[in-house]
C-alpha atoms as a PDB file:
ATOM      1  CA  MET A   1      -0.063   0.040   0.030  1.00  0.00           C
ATOM      2  CA  ALA A   2       2.769   2.454   0.756  1.00  0.00           C
ATOM      3  CA  ARG A   3       4.492   1.761  -2.516  1.00  0.00           C
ATOM      4  CA  ASN A   4       1.200   2.583  -4.309  1.00  0.00           C
ATOM      5  CA  LEU A   5       0.720   5.818  -2.430  1.00  0.00           C
ATOM      6  CA  SER A   6       4.262   6.700  -3.012  1.00  0.00           C
ATOM      7  CA  ARG A   7       3.795   6.001  -6.854  1.00  0.00           C
ATOM      8  CA  GLY A   8       0.695   8.003  -7.016  1.00  0.00           C
ATOM      9  CA  ILE A   9       2.342  11.147  -5.558  1.00  0.00           C
ATOM     10  CA  VAL A  10       5.129  10.927  -7.796  1.00  0.00           C
ATOM     11  CA  TYR A  11       2.730  10.740 -10.754  1.00  0.00           C
ATOM     12  CA  ALA A  12       0.832  13.636  -9.387  1.00  0.00           C
ATOM     13  CA  ALA A  13       3.940  15.554  -9.124  1.00  0.00           C
ATOM     14  CA  ARG A  14       5.220  14.662 -12.469  1.00  0.00           C
ATOM     15  CA  MET A  15       1.813  15.749 -14.054  1.00  0.00           C
ATOM     16  CA  ALA A  16       2.222  19.111 -12.440  1.00  0.00           C
ATOM     17  CA  GLY A  17       5.343  19.681 -14.134  1.00  0.00           C
ATOM     18  CA  ASN A  18       7.628  18.695 -11.293  1.00  0.00           C
ATOM     19  CA  VAL A  19      10.394  16.114 -11.017  1.00  0.00           C
ATOM     20  CA  ALA A  20       9.825  13.423  -8.174  1.00  0.00           C
ATOM     21  CA  LEU A  21      11.410  10.155  -6.874  1.00  0.00           C
ATOM     22  CA  SER A  22      10.304   7.354  -4.611  1.00  0.00           C
ATOM     23  CA  TYR A  23      12.513   5.126  -2.590  1.00  0.00           C
ATOM     24  CA  GLN A  24      12.444   2.681   0.173  1.00  0.00           C
ATOM     25  CA  ARG A  25      14.242   2.203   3.274  1.00  0.00           C
ATOM     26  CA  TYR A  26      14.048  -0.344   5.941  1.00  0.00           C
ATOM     27  CA  GLY A  27      13.352   0.861   9.625  1.00  0.00           C
ATOM     28  CA  ASP A  28      15.687  -1.847  11.107  1.00  0.00           C
ATOM     29  CA  ASP A  29      17.680  -4.754   9.855  1.00  0.00           C
ATOM     30  CA  PRO A  30      15.903  -6.349   6.629  1.00  0.00           C
ATOM     31  CA  GLU A  31      16.740  -9.769   7.664  1.00  0.00           C
ATOM     32  CA  ARG A  32      14.303  -9.460  10.558  1.00  0.00           C
ATOM     33  CA  ASP A  33      10.810 -10.562  10.062  1.00  0.00           C
ATOM     34  CA  GLY A  34       8.007  -8.194  10.145  1.00  0.00           C
ATOM     35  CA  VAL A  35      10.395  -5.037   9.948  1.00  0.00           C
ATOM     36  CA  PRO A  36       8.709  -1.785   9.028  1.00  0.00           C
ATOM     37  CA  ALA A  37       9.699  -0.301   5.626  1.00  0.00           C
ATOM     38  CA  LYS A  38       9.499   3.461   5.063  1.00  0.00           C
ATOM     39  CA  TYR A  39       8.872   4.994   1.883  1.00  0.00           C
ATOM     40  CA  PHE A  40      10.005   8.212   0.840  1.00  0.00           C
ATOM     41  CA  VAL A  41       9.045  10.617  -1.968  1.00  0.00           C
ATOM     42  CA  VAL A  42      11.132  13.720  -3.043  1.00  0.00           C
ATOM     43  CA  VAL A  43       9.471  16.423  -5.010  1.00  0.00           C
ATOM     44  CA  ALA A  44      11.601  19.121  -6.698  1.00  0.00           C
ATOM     45  CA  LYS A  45       9.755  22.016  -8.484  1.00  0.00           C
ATOM     46  CA  GLY A  46      10.692  22.411 -11.871  1.00  0.00           C
ATOM     47  CA  ALA A  47      13.178  20.097 -13.361  1.00  0.00           C
ATOM     48  CA  ASN A  48      15.767  20.211 -10.610  1.00  0.00           C
ATOM     49  CA  GLU A  49      16.918  16.706 -10.598  1.00  0.00           C
ATOM     50  CA  GLU A  50      20.235  17.205  -8.696  1.00  0.00           C
ATOM     51  CA  ILE A  51      17.758  17.898  -5.577  1.00  0.00           C
ATOM     52  CA  LEU A  52      16.419  14.292  -6.026  1.00  0.00           C
ATOM     53  CA  ASP A  53      19.796  12.574  -6.265  1.00  0.00           C
ATOM     54  CA  ALA A  54      21.011  14.622  -3.074  1.00  0.00           C
ATOM     55  CA  GLU A  55      17.693  13.671  -1.004  1.00  0.00           C
ATOM     56  CA  ALA A  56      17.540   9.974  -2.212  1.00  0.00           C
ATOM     57  CA  ALA A  57      21.459   9.378  -0.945  1.00  0.00           C
ATOM     58  CA  ARG A  58      20.388  10.416   2.618  1.00  0.00           C
ATOM     59  CA  VAL A  59      19.600   7.930   5.000  1.00  0.00           C
ATOM     60  CA  GLU A  60      17.027   9.961   6.848  1.00  0.00           C
ATOM     61  CA  PRO A  61      15.767  13.450   5.715  1.00  0.00           C
ATOM     62  CA  ASP A  62      16.219  16.478   7.876  1.00  0.00           C
ATOM     63  CA  TYR A  63      12.212  17.111   7.612  1.00  0.00           C
ATOM     64  CA  VAL A  64       9.233  15.640   6.106  1.00  0.00           C
ATOM     65  CA  ASP A  65       5.917  17.496   5.058  1.00  0.00           C
ATOM     66  CA  VAL A  66       3.731  14.458   5.142  1.00  0.00           C
ATOM     67  CA  SER A  67       3.806  11.333   7.301  1.00  0.00           C
ATOM     68  CA  ILE A  68       1.577   8.497   6.680  1.00  0.00           C
ATOM     69  CA  VAL A  69       1.523   5.465   9.019  1.00  0.00           C
ATOM     70  CA  LEU A  70      -0.197   2.343   7.765  1.00  0.00           C
ATOM     71  CA  ASP A  71       0.869   0.020  10.545  1.00  0.00           C
ATOM     72  CA  ASP A  72      -0.596   1.034  14.059  1.00  0.00           C
ATOM     73  CA  THR A  73       2.269  -0.620  15.741  1.00  0.00           C
ATOM     74  CA  ILE A  74       4.570   2.047  14.540  1.00  0.00           C
ATOM     75  CA  LEU A  75       2.713   4.714  16.358  1.00  0.00           C
ATOM     76  CA  LYS A  76       4.470   3.679  19.598  1.00  0.00           C
ATOM     77  CA  GLY A  77       7.656   4.961  17.824  1.00  0.00           C
ATOM     78  CA  VAL A  78      10.372   3.526  15.713  1.00  0.00           C
ATOM     79  CA  GLU A  79      14.083   2.521  16.040  1.00  0.00           C
ATOM     80  CA  SER A  80      16.278   3.575  13.302  1.00  0.00           C
ATOM     81  CA  TRP A  81      19.687   2.238  12.787  1.00  0.00           C
ATOM     82  CA  ALA A  82      21.142   5.428  13.706  1.00  0.00           C
ATOM     83  CA  TRP A  83      19.382   5.986  16.990  1.00  0.00           C
ATOM     84  CA  GLN A  84      19.551   4.183  20.404  1.00  0.00           C
ATOM     85  CA  GLY A  85      16.005   3.825  21.412  1.00  0.00           C
ATOM     86  CA  ILE A  86      12.586   4.510  20.385  1.00  0.00           C
ATOM     87  CA  GLN A  87      11.869   7.894  18.303  1.00  0.00           C
ATOM     88  CA  PRO A  88       8.448   9.382  17.768  1.00  0.00           C
ATOM     89  CA  VAL A  89       7.136   8.613  14.258  1.00  0.00           C
ATOM     90  CA  HIS A  90       6.508  12.339  13.897  1.00  0.00           C
ATOM     91  CA  LEU A  91       9.768  13.453  15.034  1.00  0.00           C
ATOM     92  CA  LYS A  92      10.655  14.715  11.313  1.00  0.00           C
ATOM     93  CA  LEU A  93       7.356  16.173  10.703  1.00  0.00           C
ATOM     94  CA  ARG A  94       7.573  19.952   9.584  1.00  0.00           C
ATOM     95  CA  LEU A  95       4.936  21.896  11.098  1.00  0.00           C
ATOM     96  CA  VAL A  96       3.780  24.803   8.931  1.00  0.00           C
ATOM     97  CA  ASP A  97       1.834  27.771   9.974  1.00  0.00           C
ATOM     98  CA  TYR A  98      -0.892  28.718   7.479  1.00  0.00           C
END
């Protein structure tokens, strides 16, 4: 489901004239059973593909604009490879004041 959501966002961004890329990262060692996967979508306004390459090369983004949780067990938090301990799933969510 996450893959299909990511593809839909990429398609919509490209239809709007932007460049976009989706990619997946595991939240933990992929050898373990039931490991949650993280899907990311990077959208760059215009035709700036260098932004896509730079963002996709990162292990974790500095911030995200949207976070969709499809597994309720993740709501308690996630443990990334780079962290010791559980971190909130919304830790990187950028809050925008409209």
